[in-house]
């Protein structure tokens, strides 16, 4: 996996051809993963880099703040160090703007490609409630199934809420419990009952089955999409 450091823009040589080489190598690797339906962490990384570049473009002061600093003098008596920005001339700033404009276009194009793949995959994934759903649905079990497999992956989940000044965020924490073989004699309801008997800390758990009509990379695609569908379903039911 090719990684793009968070400070790739200001790290090392500030030269368009050099940065172009680094960026295109990264984007090529991301596109190859997308073609294999491997969406994460690549999709979230693209969003981060794209938003970061937009912020820098809109606020040039961030460019200066993102540059590494060099010690210009040290006052050992007062244990103070003052720093002098490496960037001091318009030529470097002009080169930086060219790099940013080039990168923004490429990031945006690949984000659109990734979004299209995500929407295609999401259409192949379905969620349903198993048994009666309790009023408290922020904790329970996930039964994950893919079309070509004969087993169910069983996870315990917990939805947590984070609030900021502007938005409320929900995250899903999952814990793998076991793999349950599917058979003609077993139903999803009987599997749920078996979990209740085995894990007695949740006597009336919310239980969801999330199934995919195609075989997907589990950790990189199926599980992240399953978590998003779960949060959406809980929010709709609330």
C-alpha atoms as a PDB file:
ATOM      1  CA  UNK A   1       0.000   0.000   0.000  1.00  0.00           C
ATOM      2  CA  UNK A   2       1.373   3.389  -1.022  1.00  0.00           C
ATOM      3  CA  UNK A   3       0.798   5.994   1.684  1.00  0.00           C
ATOM      4  CA  UNK A   4       0.702   9.746   1.252  1.00  0.00           C
ATOM      5  CA  UNK A   5       1.997  11.505   4.387  1.00  0.00           C
ATOM      6  CA  UNK A   6      -0.208  14.182   5.880  1.00  0.00           C
ATOM      7  CA  UNK A   7       2.565  16.722   5.304  1.00  0.00           C
ATOM      8  CA  UNK A   8       3.436  15.543   1.776  1.00  0.00           C
ATOM      9  CA  UNK A   9       2.882  19.035   0.374  1.00  0.00           C
ATOM     10  CA  UNK A  10       5.528  20.731   2.499  1.00  0.00           C
ATOM     11  CA  UNK A  11       7.817  17.777   3.166  1.00  0.00           C
ATOM     12  CA  UNK A  12      11.074  17.624   1.207  1.00  0.00           C
ATOM     13  CA  UNK A  13      11.760  19.355  -2.083  1.00  0.00           C
ATOM     14  CA  UNK A  14       9.176  21.945  -3.148  1.00  0.00           C
ATOM     15  CA  UNK A  15       9.183  21.170  -6.849  1.00  0.00           C
ATOM     16  CA  UNK A  16       6.186  20.538  -9.100  1.00  0.00           C
ATOM     17  CA  UNK A  17       7.636  17.557 -10.988  1.00  0.00           C
ATOM     18  CA  UNK A  18       8.790  15.929  -7.747  1.00  0.00           C
ATOM     19  CA  UNK A  19       5.437  16.380  -6.011  1.00  0.00           C
ATOM     20  CA  UNK A  20       3.613  15.272  -9.162  1.00  0.00           C
ATOM     21  CA  UNK A  21       5.604  12.020  -9.175  1.00  0.00           C
ATOM     22  CA  UNK A  22       4.760  11.321  -5.520  1.00  0.00           C
ATOM     23  CA  UNK A  23       1.089  12.197  -5.942  1.00  0.00           C
ATOM     24  CA  UNK A  24       0.500  10.187  -9.120  1.00  0.00           C
ATOM     25  CA  UNK A  25       2.145   7.089  -7.632  1.00  0.00           C
ATOM     26  CA  UNK A  26      -0.198   7.331  -4.651  1.00  0.00           C
ATOM     27  CA  UNK A  27      -3.298   7.912  -6.770  1.00  0.00           C
ATOM     28  CA  UNK A  28      -2.399   4.999  -9.055  1.00  0.00           C
ATOM     29  CA  UNK A  29      -2.259   2.690  -6.045  1.00  0.00           C
ATOM     30  CA  UNK A  30      -5.598   4.008  -4.736  1.00  0.00           C
ATOM     31  CA  UNK A  31      -7.266   3.494  -8.125  1.00  0.00           C
ATOM     32  CA  UNK A  32      -6.012  -0.094  -8.325  1.00  0.00           C
ATOM     33  CA  UNK A  33      -7.506  -0.798  -4.906  1.00  0.00           C
ATOM     34  CA  UNK A  34     -10.795   0.822  -5.907  1.00  0.00           C
ATOM     35  CA  UNK A  35     -10.961  -1.462  -8.931  1.00  0.00           C
ATOM     36  CA  UNK A  36     -10.775  -4.412  -6.532  1.00  0.00           C
ATOM     37  CA  UNK A  37     -13.619  -2.906  -4.446  1.00  0.00           C
ATOM     38  CA  UNK A  38     -11.163  -2.091  -1.656  1.00  0.00           C
ATOM     39  CA  UNK A  39     -12.490   1.216  -0.372  1.00  0.00           C
ATOM     40  CA  UNK A  40     -10.936   1.805   3.044  1.00  0.00           C
ATOM     41  CA  UNK A  41      -8.804   3.394   4.305  1.00  0.00           C
ATOM     42  CA  UNK A  42      -8.260   4.902   0.846  1.00  0.00           C
ATOM     43  CA  UNK A  43     -11.597   6.711   0.512  1.00  0.00           C
ATOM     44  CA  UNK A  44     -11.320   8.421   3.903  1.00  0.00           C
ATOM     45  CA  UNK A  45      -7.671   9.316   3.211  1.00  0.00           C
ATOM     46  CA  UNK A  46      -8.665  10.968  -0.077  1.00  0.00           C
ATOM     47  CA  UNK A  47     -11.313  13.018   1.706  1.00  0.00           C
ATOM     48  CA  UNK A  48      -8.745  14.156   4.276  1.00  0.00           C
ATOM     49  CA  UNK A  49      -6.140  15.208   1.706  1.00  0.00           C
ATOM     50  CA  UNK A  50      -8.706  16.945  -0.501  1.00  0.00           C
ATOM     51  CA  UNK A  51     -10.201  18.955   2.365  1.00  0.00           C
ATOM     52  CA  UNK A  52      -6.761  19.801   3.691  1.00  0.00           C
ATOM     53  CA  UNK A  53      -5.661  21.201   0.332  1.00  0.00           C
ATOM     54  CA  UNK A  54      -8.860  23.221   0.023  1.00  0.00           C
ATOM     55  CA  UNK A  55      -8.217  24.758   3.439  1.00  0.00           C
ATOM     56  CA  UNK A  56      -4.643  25.627   2.523  1.00  0.00           C
ATOM     57  CA  UNK A  57      -5.716  27.123  -0.802  1.00  0.00           C
ATOM     58  CA  UNK A  58      -8.318  29.300   0.919  1.00  0.00           C
ATOM     59  CA  UNK A  59      -5.968  30.372   3.693  1.00  0.00           C
ATOM     60  CA  UNK A  60      -2.386  30.877   2.555  1.00  0.00           C
ATOM     61  CA  UNK A  61      -1.271  31.356   6.147  1.00  0.00           C
ATOM     62  CA  UNK A  62      -1.768  27.617   6.598  1.00  0.00           C
ATOM     63  CA  UNK A  63       0.998  27.003   4.079  1.00  0.00           C
ATOM     64  CA  UNK A  64       3.453  28.795   6.322  1.00  0.00           C
ATOM     65  CA  UNK A  65       2.168  26.966   9.374  1.00  0.00           C
ATOM     66  CA  UNK A  66       2.531  23.575   7.670  1.00  0.00           C
ATOM     67  CA  UNK A  67       6.151  24.116   6.740  1.00  0.00           C
ATOM     68  CA  UNK A  68       8.858  22.654   8.978  1.00  0.00           C
ATOM     69  CA  UNK A  69      10.754  25.194  11.005  1.00  0.00           C
ATOM     70  CA  UNK A  70      14.475  25.674  11.529  1.00  0.00           C
ATOM     71  CA  UNK A  71      16.122  27.047  14.618  1.00  0.00           C
ATOM     72  CA  UNK A  72      17.279  30.623  14.054  1.00  0.00           C
ATOM     73  CA  UNK A  73      18.542  31.266  17.551  1.00  0.00           C
ATOM     74  CA  UNK A  74      18.361  29.723  20.956  1.00  0.00           C
ATOM     75  CA  UNK A  75      18.245  31.381  24.304  1.00  0.00           C
ATOM     76  CA  UNK A  76      19.532  28.704  26.653  1.00  0.00           C
ATOM     77  CA  UNK A  77      19.164  30.913  29.762  1.00  0.00           C
ATOM     78  CA  UNK A  78      15.422  31.319  29.331  1.00  0.00           C
ATOM     79  CA  UNK A  79      15.050  27.929  27.561  1.00  0.00           C
ATOM     80  CA  UNK A  80      13.320  29.634  24.677  1.00  0.00           C
ATOM     81  CA  UNK A  81      13.723  28.767  21.025  1.00  0.00           C
ATOM     82  CA  UNK A  82      12.583  31.055  18.283  1.00  0.00           C
ATOM     83  CA  UNK A  83      11.863  29.684  14.857  1.00  0.00           C
ATOM     84  CA  UNK A  84      12.198  31.169  11.441  1.00  0.00           C
ATOM     85  CA  UNK A  85       9.990  29.942   8.604  1.00  0.00           C
ATOM     86  CA  UNK A  86      11.840  28.334   5.741  1.00  0.00           C
ATOM     87  CA  UNK A  87       9.429  29.950   3.294  1.00  0.00           C
ATOM     88  CA  UNK A  88      10.324  33.553   2.579  1.00  0.00           C
ATOM     89  CA  UNK A  89       9.971  34.164  -1.132  1.00  0.00           C
ATOM     90  CA  UNK A  90       7.223  34.430  -3.743  1.00  0.00           C
ATOM     91  CA  UNK A  91       8.858  31.892  -6.068  1.00  0.00           C
ATOM     92  CA  UNK A  92       8.274  29.010  -3.657  1.00  0.00           C
ATOM     93  CA  UNK A  93       4.747  30.204  -2.973  1.00  0.00           C
ATOM     94  CA  UNK A  94       3.978  30.269  -6.699  1.00  0.00           C
ATOM     95  CA  UNK A  95       5.318  26.733  -7.089  1.00  0.00           C
ATOM     96  CA  UNK A  96       3.187  25.661  -4.158  1.00  0.00           C
ATOM     97  CA  UNK A  97       0.028  27.066  -5.732  1.00  0.00           C
ATOM     98  CA  UNK A  98       0.694  25.153  -8.967  1.00  0.00           C
ATOM     99  CA  UNK A  99       1.126  21.916  -6.991  1.00  0.00           C
ATOM    100  CA  UNK A 100      -2.085  22.528  -5.029  1.00  0.00           C
ATOM    101  CA  UNK A 101      -4.176  23.238  -8.134  1.00  0.00           C
ATOM    102  CA  UNK A 102      -2.830  20.122  -9.871  1.00  0.00           C
ATOM    103  CA  UNK A 103      -3.456  17.939  -6.824  1.00  0.00           C
ATOM    104  CA  UNK A 104      -6.963  19.237  -6.135  1.00  0.00           C
ATOM    105  CA  UNK A 105      -8.153  18.268  -9.618  1.00  0.00           C
ATOM    106  CA  UNK A 106      -6.726  14.750  -9.317  1.00  0.00           C
ATOM    107  CA  UNK A 107      -8.085  14.222  -5.817  1.00  0.00           C
ATOM    108  CA  UNK A 108     -11.546  15.389  -6.867  1.00  0.00           C
ATOM    109  CA  UNK A 109     -11.636  13.089  -9.908  1.00  0.00           C
ATOM    110  CA  UNK A 110     -10.607  10.040  -7.887  1.00  0.00           C
ATOM    111  CA  UNK A 111     -13.038  10.902  -5.102  1.00  0.00           C
ATOM    112  CA  UNK A 112     -15.859  10.866  -7.640  1.00  0.00           C
ATOM    113  CA  UNK A 113     -14.657   7.497  -8.872  1.00  0.00           C
ATOM    114  CA  UNK A 114     -14.515   6.147  -5.329  1.00  0.00           C
ATOM    115  CA  UNK A 115     -17.964   7.512  -4.553  1.00  0.00           C
ATOM    116  CA  UNK A 116     -19.390   5.748  -7.590  1.00  0.00           C
ATOM    117  CA  UNK A 117     -17.851   2.431  -6.527  1.00  0.00           C
ATOM    118  CA  UNK A 118     -19.137   2.938  -2.987  1.00  0.00           C
ATOM    119  CA  UNK A 119     -22.689   3.549  -4.235  1.00  0.00           C
ATOM    120  CA  UNK A 120     -22.501   0.478  -6.485  1.00  0.00           C
ATOM    121  CA  UNK A 121     -21.334  -1.705  -3.615  1.00  0.00           C
ATOM    122  CA  UNK A 122     -23.848  -0.252  -1.158  1.00  0.00           C
ATOM    123  CA  UNK A 123     -26.700  -1.209  -3.500  1.00  0.00           C
ATOM    124  CA  UNK A 124     -25.581  -4.830  -3.144  1.00  0.00           C
ATOM    125  CA  UNK A 125     -25.721  -4.749   0.662  1.00  0.00           C
ATOM    126  CA  UNK A 126     -28.969  -5.110   2.627  1.00  0.00           C
ATOM    127  CA  UNK A 127     -29.859  -4.798   6.306  1.00  0.00           C
ATOM    128  CA  UNK A 128     -32.747  -6.319   8.216  1.00  0.00           C
ATOM    129  CA  UNK A 129     -33.803  -6.661  11.833  1.00  0.00           C
ATOM    130  CA  UNK A 130     -33.831 -10.144  13.332  1.00  0.00           C
ATOM    131  CA  UNK A 131     -36.737 -10.697  15.706  1.00  0.00           C
ATOM    132  CA  UNK A 132     -38.297  -7.911  17.715  1.00  0.00           C
ATOM    133  CA  UNK A 133     -36.171  -4.802  17.984  1.00  0.00           C
ATOM    134  CA  UNK A 134     -35.924  -3.313  21.499  1.00  0.00           C
ATOM    135  CA  UNK A 135     -36.271   0.417  22.125  1.00  0.00           C
ATOM    136  CA  UNK A 136     -32.565   0.579  22.938  1.00  0.00           C
ATOM    137  CA  UNK A 137     -30.792  -0.323  19.719  1.00  0.00           C
ATOM    138  CA  UNK A 138     -27.409   1.318  20.248  1.00  0.00           C
ATOM    139  CA  UNK A 139     -25.948  -1.970  21.459  1.00  0.00           C
ATOM    140  CA  UNK A 140     -26.479  -5.456  20.115  1.00  0.00           C
ATOM    141  CA  UNK A 141     -25.324  -8.027  17.572  1.00  0.00           C
ATOM    142  CA  UNK A 142     -24.388  -7.866  13.913  1.00  0.00           C
ATOM    143  CA  UNK A 143     -24.704 -10.948  11.731  1.00  0.00           C
ATOM    144  CA  UNK A 144     -22.633 -10.448   8.604  1.00  0.00           C
ATOM    145  CA  UNK A 145     -23.080 -12.622   5.552  1.00  0.00           C
ATOM    146  CA  UNK A 146     -21.662 -12.608   2.040  1.00  0.00           C
ATOM    147  CA  UNK A 147     -23.332 -14.390  -0.844  1.00  0.00           C
ATOM    148  CA  UNK A 148     -20.550 -16.830  -1.680  1.00  0.00           C
ATOM    149  CA  UNK A 149     -19.845 -17.844   1.909  1.00  0.00           C
ATOM    150  CA  UNK A 150     -21.644 -20.385   4.082  1.00  0.00           C
ATOM    151  CA  UNK A 151     -20.797 -18.846   7.468  1.00  0.00           C
ATOM    152  CA  UNK A 152     -22.069 -15.898   9.473  1.00  0.00           C
ATOM    153  CA  UNK A 153     -19.566 -13.574  11.105  1.00  0.00           C
ATOM    154  CA  UNK A 154     -20.998 -12.513  14.464  1.00  0.00           C
ATOM    155  CA  UNK A 155     -20.026  -9.180  15.982  1.00  0.00           C
ATOM    156  CA  UNK A 156     -21.091  -7.285  19.061  1.00  0.00           C
ATOM    157  CA  UNK A 157     -21.621  -3.592  18.324  1.00  0.00           C
ATOM    158  CA  UNK A 158     -21.899  -0.397  20.329  1.00  0.00           C
ATOM    159  CA  UNK A 159     -22.905   2.974  18.857  1.00  0.00           C
ATOM    160  CA  UNK A 160     -21.228   5.940  20.548  1.00  0.00           C
ATOM    161  CA  UNK A 161     -22.091   9.608  20.096  1.00  0.00           C
ATOM    162  CA  UNK A 162     -19.658  12.518  19.923  1.00  0.00           C
ATOM    163  CA  UNK A 163     -20.887  16.079  19.915  1.00  0.00           C
ATOM    164  CA  UNK A 164     -19.024  19.166  18.726  1.00  0.00           C
ATOM    165  CA  UNK A 165     -20.134  22.780  18.532  1.00  0.00           C
ATOM    166  CA  UNK A 166     -21.517  22.234  15.034  1.00  0.00           C
ATOM    167  CA  UNK A 167     -22.351  18.551  14.576  1.00  0.00           C
ATOM    168  CA  UNK A 168     -23.141  15.262  16.252  1.00  0.00           C
ATOM    169  CA  UNK A 169     -21.038  12.283  15.204  1.00  0.00           C
ATOM    170  CA  UNK A 170     -21.844   8.599  15.641  1.00  0.00           C
ATOM    171  CA  UNK A 171     -19.240   5.878  15.648  1.00  0.00           C
ATOM    172  CA  UNK A 172     -19.741   2.131  15.715  1.00  0.00           C
ATOM    173  CA  UNK A 173     -17.364   0.018  17.785  1.00  0.00           C
ATOM    174  CA  UNK A 174     -17.396  -3.664  16.868  1.00  0.00           C
ATOM    175  CA  UNK A 175     -16.010  -6.740  18.582  1.00  0.00           C
ATOM    176  CA  UNK A 176     -15.723 -10.067  16.782  1.00  0.00           C
ATOM    177  CA  UNK A 177     -17.416 -12.871  18.733  1.00  0.00           C
ATOM    178  CA  UNK A 178     -17.570 -15.983  16.601  1.00  0.00           C
ATOM    179  CA  UNK A 179     -18.280 -17.561  13.238  1.00  0.00           C
ATOM    180  CA  UNK A 180     -21.565 -19.493  12.978  1.00  0.00           C
ATOM    181  CA  UNK A 181     -22.083 -22.029  10.167  1.00  0.00           C
ATOM    182  CA  UNK A 182     -25.272 -21.538   8.189  1.00  0.00           C
ATOM    183  CA  UNK A 183     -27.414 -24.600   7.611  1.00  0.00           C
ATOM    184  CA  UNK A 184     -30.880 -25.587   6.438  1.00  0.00           C
ATOM    185  CA  UNK A 185     -31.916 -26.397  10.000  1.00  0.00           C
ATOM    186  CA  UNK A 186     -30.886 -23.062  11.509  1.00  0.00           C
ATOM    187  CA  UNK A 187     -32.687 -19.749  11.145  1.00  0.00           C
ATOM    188  CA  UNK A 188     -31.458 -16.259  11.949  1.00  0.00           C
ATOM    189  CA  UNK A 189     -33.914 -16.176  14.851  1.00  0.00           C
ATOM    190  CA  UNK A 190     -32.492 -19.407  16.275  1.00  0.00           C
ATOM    191  CA  UNK A 191     -28.969 -18.015  15.908  1.00  0.00           C
ATOM    192  CA  UNK A 192     -30.064 -14.922  17.848  1.00  0.00           C
ATOM    193  CA  UNK A 193     -31.524 -17.109  20.607  1.00  0.00           C
ATOM    194  CA  UNK A 194     -28.280 -19.036  20.750  1.00  0.00           C
ATOM    195  CA  UNK A 195     -26.349 -15.800  21.243  1.00  0.00           C
ATOM    196  CA  UNK A 196     -28.698 -14.722  24.049  1.00  0.00           C
ATOM    197  CA  UNK A 197     -28.131 -18.020  25.870  1.00  0.00           C
ATOM    198  CA  UNK A 198     -24.370 -17.890  25.378  1.00  0.00           C
ATOM    199  CA  UNK A 199     -23.769 -14.195  26.111  1.00  0.00           C
ATOM    200  CA  UNK A 200     -26.041 -13.468  29.045  1.00  0.00           C
ATOM    201  CA  UNK A 201     -25.032  -9.816  29.494  1.00  0.00           C
ATOM    202  CA  UNK A 202     -27.595  -8.811  26.838  1.00  0.00           C
ATOM    203  CA  UNK A 203     -30.915 -10.585  27.504  1.00  0.00           C
ATOM    204  CA  UNK A 204     -32.858  -8.631  24.854  1.00  0.00           C
ATOM    205  CA  UNK A 205     -30.347  -7.436  22.251  1.00  0.00           C
ATOM    206  CA  UNK A 206     -31.032  -5.611  19.031  1.00  0.00           C
ATOM    207  CA  UNK A 207     -29.827  -7.914  16.264  1.00  0.00           C
ATOM    208  CA  UNK A 208     -29.266  -7.019  12.642  1.00  0.00           C
ATOM    209  CA  UNK A 209     -28.433  -9.137   9.642  1.00  0.00           C
ATOM    210  CA  UNK A 210     -26.363  -7.373   7.002  1.00  0.00           C
ATOM    211  CA  UNK A 211     -25.835  -9.371   3.829  1.00  0.00           C
ATOM    212  CA  UNK A 212     -23.983  -8.692   0.596  1.00  0.00           C
ATOM    213  CA  UNK A 213     -24.971 -10.082  -2.782  1.00  0.00           C
ATOM    214  CA  UNK A 214     -21.345 -10.297  -3.847  1.00  0.00           C
ATOM    215  CA  UNK A 215     -18.045 -11.197  -2.260  1.00  0.00           C
ATOM    216  CA  UNK A 216     -16.315  -8.091  -0.913  1.00  0.00           C
ATOM    217  CA  UNK A 217     -13.028  -7.441   0.895  1.00  0.00           C
ATOM    218  CA  UNK A 218     -14.243  -7.855   4.465  1.00  0.00           C
ATOM    219  CA  UNK A 219     -12.206  -5.422   6.592  1.00  0.00           C
ATOM    220  CA  UNK A 220     -11.650  -2.838   3.859  1.00  0.00           C
ATOM    221  CA  UNK A 221     -15.166  -2.651   2.411  1.00  0.00           C
ATOM    222  CA  UNK A 222     -17.916  -4.883   3.793  1.00  0.00           C
ATOM    223  CA  UNK A 223     -17.485  -4.103   7.498  1.00  0.00           C
ATOM    224  CA  UNK A 224     -17.188  -0.289   7.057  1.00  0.00           C
ATOM    225  CA  UNK A 225     -20.294  -0.206   4.835  1.00  0.00           C
ATOM    226  CA  UNK A 226     -22.145  -2.444   7.301  1.00  0.00           C
ATOM    227  CA  UNK A 227     -21.391   0.020  10.091  1.00  0.00           C
ATOM    228  CA  UNK A 228     -22.725   2.943   8.064  1.00  0.00           C
ATOM    229  CA  UNK A 229     -25.907   1.036   7.211  1.00  0.00           C
ATOM    230  CA  UNK A 230     -26.360   0.148  10.873  1.00  0.00           C
ATOM    231  CA  UNK A 231     -26.116   3.772  12.028  1.00  0.00           C
ATOM    232  CA  UNK A 232     -28.509   4.866   9.293  1.00  0.00           C
ATOM    233  CA  UNK A 233     -31.024   2.174  10.251  1.00  0.00           C
ATOM    234  CA  UNK A 234     -30.868   3.054  13.950  1.00  0.00           C
ATOM    235  CA  UNK A 235     -31.262   6.761  13.212  1.00  0.00           C
ATOM    236  CA  UNK A 236     -34.280   6.074  10.994  1.00  0.00           C
ATOM    237  CA  UNK A 237     -35.941   3.941  13.645  1.00  0.00           C
ATOM    238  CA  UNK A 238     -35.279   6.459  16.420  1.00  0.00           C
END
